[in-house]
Amino acid sequence: MHMPLLAKRFFVRLIPVVVVGYWLAAPRLALAETLVPGTGEQAAAVGDDFENPQWKFIFNSPKSSDDVDKETRSPLGFATNRRWFESGHRGQPDVLKRVATPEGGLAGSTGALLIRSLYTGVPNSPSGSTHQDDLVGNTKSGLGGVVPVSWKPSVVVRVFLPPWEQWEDRVGTSFALRANCKGSKPGKEGEIYWPGLFITRNAIDQYNKSSASLLVRGRESGHDYPVRKIETTGWWTLGLSFTPDGSVHYYGHPGVGDLTSEDHLASHYPYGFRCEVFQNYFFNVVSADNGRSWSTPWVIDDPTLYMANRPAA
C-alpha cells in the first residue's frame, strides 16, 4: 500500500519527532575495519559511463515478474554492451534510456541513464500495490566469476534526485542501490541476501516542506532504518563496501565528489550473515503499480566496481 504525500495532520506532526529520534539512535557496528567505497583498482570490464551515444537496452518484452506470479518470461532483456541484464525475479524497468547528463554531474560526463517504471508488478496488469523492478550489473561475465570479500570490493554510483515536483506522489521507497551477496550464519551456509541503500520519500511536513531519507538495509535483524535525511535534490553519491570480516559498509553524501571516511553512514552484518562473496550489484526502482503513476524519474551515472585487494593476475 502507498500513502499520499498530504497525510493526515496528526501523522505528519509525529513524523519529525519519531524519525529524527531514530536517526540519532542509529547504531554503528564497532568494527576493526571499514572501507571507503572507491578504494583500490577499478574493474574496467564492469560498470558503465553511458558515454556511448549508441547505448541501448534490448527489452525482450514482456518482462519477468516471478516475484508476483512465478513467470520468468525468457529470454531476459540485456544491454547491447552486455554490462546490464534484466532480473529474472522482478524484470527490468520499463524505461532504460541514455540521456544528457543533468546539470552538476561528473566533470566531462555527457551521458547518464534514465531509469523509470509504470508497471512494476505483472506487465500491463496493475495491482494497486507497490512493486519494484531491477537493473542488474553484469559482474560475473565482466570478471569471469564472482568476487570474494577478501578482495575488498566496493561499488560507487552517482544518482540524480529530480526536483520534488517530479517525484511520484507517494510516500515510501522509490529507489535503491543494492548488492547480491552470499553469506553464512549459524544454521545457514551459503545463503543469498541483498543489502542496500534505499531512497524513501517522506510525508510532507507541517511546514509544507518535502524531504526524503536514506535507509540502510539492514540491521542484523534485517530491519531497515533511516540514517540521513535528504532535504536537497540534485546529485548524490552512494556507495557500498565489503570487508573480509563479512560486514557491509554504507556511505553517501550530496554532490558528485569522491566518498571519504566522513561519509560513513553505518556498518552491519545484515540479517546476521557474514558476507563471503559479492556476486553483483543492482538498482531497484519502485512505483505504486496502479497503471497511472510513473515512478520517480531516476538518473544514474558512472556505477563503478572497485577492488582494494584483488590478487595480481
Protein backbone atom coordinates (compact mmCIF):
# COMPACT_ATOMS: atom_id res chain seq x y z
CA MET A 1 0.00 0.00 0.00
CA HIS A 2 1.12 3.58 -0.53
CA MET A 3 0.32 6.74 1.37
CA PRO A 4 -0.45 10.12 -0.29
CA LEU A 5 2.02 12.91 0.41
CA LEU A 6 -0.55 15.02 2.19
CA ALA A 7 -1.00 12.61 5.07
CA LYS A 8 -3.39 13.25 7.94
CA ARG A 9 -2.30 16.12 10.14
CA PHE A 10 -1.68 14.07 13.27
CA PHE A 11 0.55 11.67 11.31
CA VAL A 12 2.61 14.45 9.75
CA ARG A 13 3.24 16.05 13.13
CA LEU A 14 4.56 12.81 14.57
CA ILE A 15 6.95 12.04 11.74
CA PRO A 16 9.73 14.59 12.54
CA VAL A 17 9.82 13.59 16.21
CA VAL A 18 9.86 9.83 15.69
CA VAL A 19 12.15 9.70 12.66
CA VAL A 20 14.73 12.21 13.91
CA GLY A 21 14.94 10.31 17.18
CA TYR A 22 15.52 7.16 15.21
CA TRP A 23 18.37 8.76 13.27
CA LEU A 24 20.06 9.82 16.48
CA ALA A 25 19.78 6.27 17.79
CA ALA A 26 21.03 4.60 14.59
CA PRO A 27 23.78 2.18 15.67
CA ARG A 28 27.18 1.86 14.08
CA LEU A 29 28.78 -1.51 14.48
CA ALA A 30 32.16 -1.45 16.20
CA LEU A 31 34.41 -3.00 13.56
CA ALA A 32 38.12 -3.48 13.24
CA GLU A 33 37.99 -2.39 9.60
CA THR A 34 35.87 -0.25 7.33
CA LEU A 35 36.43 0.51 3.65
CA VAL A 36 35.65 3.71 1.78
CA PRO A 37 33.87 2.78 -1.46
CA GLY A 38 36.04 3.67 -4.42
CA THR A 39 39.25 2.41 -2.80
CA GLY A 40 41.59 0.37 -4.97
CA GLU A 41 41.52 -0.86 -8.54
CA GLN A 42 38.60 -0.09 -10.83
CA ALA A 43 37.12 -3.12 -12.57
CA ALA A 44 37.21 -1.83 -16.13
CA ALA A 45 35.03 -4.65 -17.52
CA VAL A 46 32.20 -3.93 -15.05
CA GLY A 47 30.05 -0.82 -14.72
CA ASP A 48 29.24 1.86 -17.26
CA ASP A 49 29.80 5.54 -18.03
CA PHE A 50 26.94 5.80 -20.57
CA GLU A 51 29.10 7.93 -22.86
CA ASN A 52 28.36 5.90 -25.98
CA PRO A 53 25.55 7.68 -27.90
CA GLN A 54 24.52 4.26 -29.24
CA TRP A 55 23.84 2.84 -25.78
CA LYS A 56 20.76 0.63 -25.99
CA PHE A 57 18.80 -1.90 -23.96
CA ILE A 58 17.01 -4.83 -25.64
CA PHE A 59 13.84 -5.32 -23.58
CA ASN A 60 12.55 -8.69 -24.83
CA SER A 61 9.11 -7.81 -23.51
CA PRO A 62 7.02 -8.85 -21.68
CA LYS A 63 9.36 -8.69 -18.74
CA SER A 64 9.68 -11.14 -15.86
CA SER A 65 7.51 -10.98 -12.74
CA ASP A 66 8.49 -14.16 -10.96
CA ASP A 67 8.21 -12.44 -7.58
CA VAL A 68 4.49 -11.85 -8.21
CA ASP A 69 3.15 -14.62 -10.47
CA LYS A 70 6.10 -17.06 -10.89
CA GLU A 71 6.55 -16.07 -14.56
CA THR A 72 10.13 -15.54 -15.77
CA ARG A 73 9.28 -14.91 -19.46
CA SER A 74 12.62 -15.68 -21.08
CA PRO A 75 14.61 -14.52 -22.91
CA LEU A 76 15.69 -11.82 -20.49
CA GLY A 77 16.47 -8.27 -21.55
CA PHE A 78 20.05 -7.03 -21.82
CA ALA A 79 22.14 -4.00 -22.77
CA THR A 80 23.90 -4.26 -26.10
CA ASN A 81 27.24 -3.59 -24.33
CA ARG A 82 26.49 -6.69 -22.20
CA ARG A 83 27.07 -4.79 -18.94
CA TRP A 84 23.44 -4.93 -17.78
CA PHE A 85 20.68 -7.51 -17.78
CA GLU A 86 17.10 -7.97 -16.68
CA SER A 87 16.40 -9.62 -13.36
CA GLY A 88 14.58 -12.91 -13.88
CA HIS A 89 12.98 -12.41 -10.49
CA ARG A 90 11.40 -8.98 -10.99
CA GLY A 91 12.04 -7.77 -14.53
CA GLN A 92 13.78 -4.67 -15.84
CA PRO A 93 12.44 -1.11 -15.51
CA ASP A 94 10.04 0.00 -18.26
CA VAL A 95 12.35 2.85 -19.32
CA LEU A 96 16.13 2.46 -19.64
CA LYS A 97 17.33 5.34 -21.78
CA ARG A 98 20.60 7.18 -22.22
CA VAL A 99 20.04 10.90 -21.58
CA ALA A 100 22.18 14.02 -21.41
CA THR A 101 23.86 14.28 -18.02
CA PRO A 102 21.82 16.57 -15.75
CA GLU A 103 23.50 19.80 -14.68
CA GLY A 104 26.08 19.48 -11.93
CA GLY A 105 27.16 15.95 -12.83
CA LEU A 106 30.64 14.50 -13.07
CA ALA A 107 33.16 16.62 -14.95
CA GLY A 108 33.27 15.62 -18.62
CA SER A 109 30.18 13.43 -18.45
CA THR A 110 27.83 13.85 -21.41
CA GLY A 111 25.60 10.80 -20.88
CA ALA A 112 23.75 9.16 -18.00
CA LEU A 113 20.97 6.57 -17.65
CA LEU A 114 17.30 7.32 -17.02
CA ILE A 115 15.53 4.57 -15.05
CA ARG A 116 11.75 4.61 -14.68
CA SER A 117 8.75 2.25 -14.49
CA LEU A 118 4.96 2.28 -14.67
CA TYR A 119 4.13 -1.42 -14.27
CA THR A 120 6.46 -2.77 -11.59
CA GLY A 121 4.47 -5.96 -10.98
CA VAL A 122 2.94 -8.09 -13.74
CA PRO A 123 3.36 -6.41 -17.15
CA ASN A 124 0.30 -4.35 -18.15
CA SER A 125 -1.66 -5.67 -15.14
CA PRO A 126 -1.74 -3.02 -12.41
CA SER A 127 -2.06 -4.38 -8.89
CA GLY A 128 -2.53 -1.19 -6.88
CA SER A 129 0.27 -2.31 -4.54
CA THR A 130 3.88 -1.16 -4.67
CA HIS A 131 6.31 -3.39 -6.56
CA GLN A 132 9.81 -2.96 -7.90
CA ASP A 133 11.90 -3.63 -10.99
CA ASP A 134 15.62 -4.46 -11.08
CA LEU A 135 18.51 -3.50 -13.36
CA VAL A 136 21.44 -5.83 -12.70
CA GLY A 137 25.13 -5.12 -13.30
CA ASN A 138 26.83 -7.97 -15.15
CA THR A 139 29.71 -8.57 -12.73
CA LYS A 140 30.24 -12.29 -13.30
CA SER A 141 30.78 -12.06 -17.06
CA GLY A 142 32.94 -8.97 -16.77
CA LEU A 143 35.30 -10.56 -14.24
CA GLY A 144 34.93 -14.19 -15.20
CA GLY A 145 33.38 -15.05 -11.85
CA VAL A 146 32.16 -13.68 -8.53
CA VAL A 147 34.22 -11.59 -6.08
CA PRO A 148 35.28 -13.00 -2.69
CA VAL A 149 35.16 -10.39 0.08
CA SER A 150 38.88 -10.99 0.66
CA TRP A 151 39.28 -8.81 -2.45
CA LYS A 152 37.56 -5.93 -0.59
CA PRO A 153 35.05 -4.98 -3.28
CA SER A 154 33.03 -1.78 -3.30
CA VAL A 155 30.59 -0.07 -5.62
CA VAL A 156 30.01 3.65 -6.16
CA VAL A 157 27.28 5.40 -8.15
CA ARG A 158 26.14 8.98 -8.73
CA VAL A 159 22.36 9.38 -8.52
CA PHE A 160 20.40 12.41 -9.69
CA LEU A 161 17.41 13.24 -7.50
CA PRO A 162 14.95 15.28 -9.60
CA PRO A 163 13.08 18.33 -8.23
CA TRP A 164 10.39 17.34 -5.72
CA GLU A 165 7.57 18.15 -8.11
CA GLN A 166 8.80 15.38 -10.43
CA TRP A 167 8.68 12.67 -7.76
CA GLU A 168 5.90 10.11 -7.75
CA ASP A 169 3.10 11.34 -5.46
CA ARG A 170 3.64 8.60 -2.89
CA VAL A 171 5.29 8.25 0.50
CA GLY A 172 7.65 5.29 0.58
CA THR A 173 10.69 3.71 -1.06
CA SER A 174 11.43 4.84 -4.61
CA PHE A 175 15.00 3.79 -5.50
CA ALA A 176 17.81 1.61 -4.18
CA LEU A 177 21.43 0.64 -4.76
CA ARG A 178 21.75 -3.00 -3.68
CA ALA A 179 24.12 -5.93 -3.77
CA ASN A 180 23.60 -9.64 -4.39
CA CYS A 181 25.69 -11.36 -1.71
CA LYS A 182 26.27 -14.87 -0.45
CA GLY A 183 26.98 -15.38 3.22
CA SER A 184 26.64 -17.68 6.21
CA LYS A 185 25.43 -17.64 9.79
CA PRO A 186 24.81 -20.41 12.32
CA GLY A 187 22.48 -22.94 10.74
CA LYS A 188 22.60 -21.35 7.29
CA GLU A 189 25.51 -21.76 4.92
CA GLY A 190 25.90 -20.13 1.51
CA GLU A 191 22.63 -18.16 1.63
CA ILE A 192 21.84 -15.32 -0.78
CA TYR A 193 20.84 -11.95 0.68
CA TRP A 194 20.53 -8.39 -0.61
CA PRO A 195 21.81 -5.45 1.47
CA GLY A 196 21.44 -1.93 0.13
CA LEU A 197 20.83 1.80 0.46
CA PHE A 198 17.28 2.98 -0.23
CA ILE A 199 15.89 6.42 -1.04
CA THR A 200 12.45 6.86 0.53
CA ARG A 201 10.16 9.83 0.23
CA ASN A 202 8.80 11.22 3.49
CA ALA A 203 5.40 12.74 4.14
CA ILE A 204 5.24 16.50 3.58
CA ASP A 205 5.84 18.10 6.97
CA GLN A 206 3.76 20.67 8.84
CA TYR A 207 5.66 23.45 7.06
CA ASN A 208 4.68 22.04 3.63
CA LYS A 209 8.29 21.03 3.04
CA SER A 210 9.33 17.95 1.07
CA SER A 211 12.12 15.60 2.10
CA ALA A 212 13.38 12.06 1.68
CA SER A 213 15.57 9.69 3.68
CA LEU A 214 18.47 7.34 3.07
CA LEU A 215 17.59 3.96 4.59
CA VAL A 216 20.02 1.15 5.34
CA ARG A 217 19.14 -2.49 4.76
CA GLY A 218 19.81 -3.58 7.17
CA ARG A 219 20.36 -4.32 10.78
CA GLU A 220 21.45 -7.73 11.99
CA SER A 221 17.72 -8.42 12.36
CA GLY A 222 17.22 -7.47 8.70
CA HIS A 223 15.17 -4.38 9.52
CA ASP A 224 15.64 -1.15 7.57
CA TYR A 225 16.26 2.16 9.32
CA PRO A 226 16.95 5.78 8.26
CA VAL A 227 20.49 7.15 8.54
CA ARG A 228 20.30 10.51 6.79
CA LYS A 229 17.62 13.00 5.86
CA ILE A 230 17.62 14.33 2.29
CA GLU A 231 16.40 17.93 2.03
CA THR A 232 18.14 18.93 -1.19
CA THR A 233 17.67 17.30 -4.57
CA GLY A 234 20.26 17.12 -7.35
CA TRP A 235 23.25 14.79 -7.46
CA TRP A 236 24.16 12.41 -4.62
CA THR A 237 26.95 9.84 -4.39
CA LEU A 238 26.18 6.45 -2.83
CA GLY A 239 28.50 3.56 -2.04
CA LEU A 240 28.59 0.08 -0.54
CA SER A 241 31.73 -1.78 0.53
CA PHE A 242 32.51 -5.28 1.79
CA THR A 243 35.37 -6.33 4.05
CA PRO A 244 36.95 -9.71 4.86
CA ASP A 245 35.24 -9.87 8.27
CA GLY A 246 31.95 -10.28 6.35
CA SER A 247 30.49 -6.87 7.17
CA VAL A 248 28.80 -4.39 4.82
CA HIS A 249 29.53 -0.65 4.97
CA TYR A 250 27.22 2.12 3.78
CA TYR A 251 28.32 5.55 2.57
CA GLY A 252 26.67 8.58 0.97
CA HIS A 253 26.76 12.36 0.54
CA PRO A 254 25.26 15.10 -1.63
CA GLY A 255 27.22 16.05 -4.74
CA VAL A 256 29.44 14.04 -7.07
CA GLY A 257 32.74 14.21 -5.17
CA ASP A 258 34.56 11.05 -4.17
CA LEU A 259 33.41 9.40 -0.96
CA THR A 260 35.58 9.76 2.14
CA SER A 261 35.64 8.34 5.65
CA GLU A 262 33.45 11.28 6.72
CA ASP A 263 30.60 9.85 4.59
CA HIS A 264 30.32 6.60 6.56
CA LEU A 265 26.66 6.07 7.47
CA ALA A 266 26.60 2.60 9.03
CA SER A 267 28.18 -0.86 9.11
CA HIS A 268 26.36 -4.13 9.70
CA TYR A 269 26.15 -7.87 9.25
CA PRO A 270 22.74 -7.63 7.51
CA TYR A 271 20.29 -10.35 8.55
CA GLY A 272 23.08 -11.75 10.72
CA PHE A 273 25.04 -13.01 7.70
CA ARG A 274 28.79 -12.77 7.33
CA CYS A 275 29.34 -11.92 3.68
CA GLU A 276 31.62 -14.33 1.83
CA VAL A 277 31.02 -13.48 -1.83
CA PHE A 278 29.92 -10.34 -3.69
CA GLN A 279 28.03 -11.55 -6.79
CA ASN A 280 26.77 -8.33 -8.41
CA TYR A 281 25.12 -5.01 -7.74
CA PHE A 282 21.75 -3.82 -8.97
CA PHE A 283 19.29 -0.94 -8.86
CA ASN A 284 15.66 -1.07 -7.72
CA VAL A 285 13.01 1.33 -8.98
CA VAL A 286 9.65 1.29 -7.21
CA SER A 287 6.18 2.53 -8.18
CA ALA A 288 2.60 2.26 -6.93
CA ASP A 289 1.90 -0.16 -9.82
CA ASN A 290 -1.54 1.34 -10.35
CA GLY A 291 -1.33 1.75 -14.15
CA ARG A 292 -1.38 5.55 -13.84
CA SER A 293 1.54 6.77 -11.71
CA TRP A 294 5.02 6.55 -13.17
CA SER A 295 7.86 6.08 -10.74
CA THR A 296 10.14 8.99 -9.98
CA PRO A 297 12.50 9.55 -12.97
CA TRP A 298 15.83 8.40 -11.56
CA VAL A 299 19.11 9.09 -13.36
CA ILE A 300 22.36 7.28 -12.56
CA ASP A 301 25.89 7.85 -13.80
CA ASP A 302 29.20 6.02 -13.65
CA PRO A 303 28.31 3.00 -11.50
CA THR A 304 31.74 1.50 -10.82
CA LEU A 305 33.09 -1.59 -9.07
CA TYR A 306 36.40 -1.35 -7.20
CA MET A 307 38.59 -3.95 -5.54
CA ALA A 308 41.14 -2.92 -2.93
CA ASN A 309 42.83 -6.31 -2.54
CA ARG A 310 42.49 -8.20 -5.80
CA PRO A 311 45.36 -10.67 -6.29
CA ALA A 312 47.72 -9.94 -9.16
CA ALA A 313 46.93 -11.89 -12.31
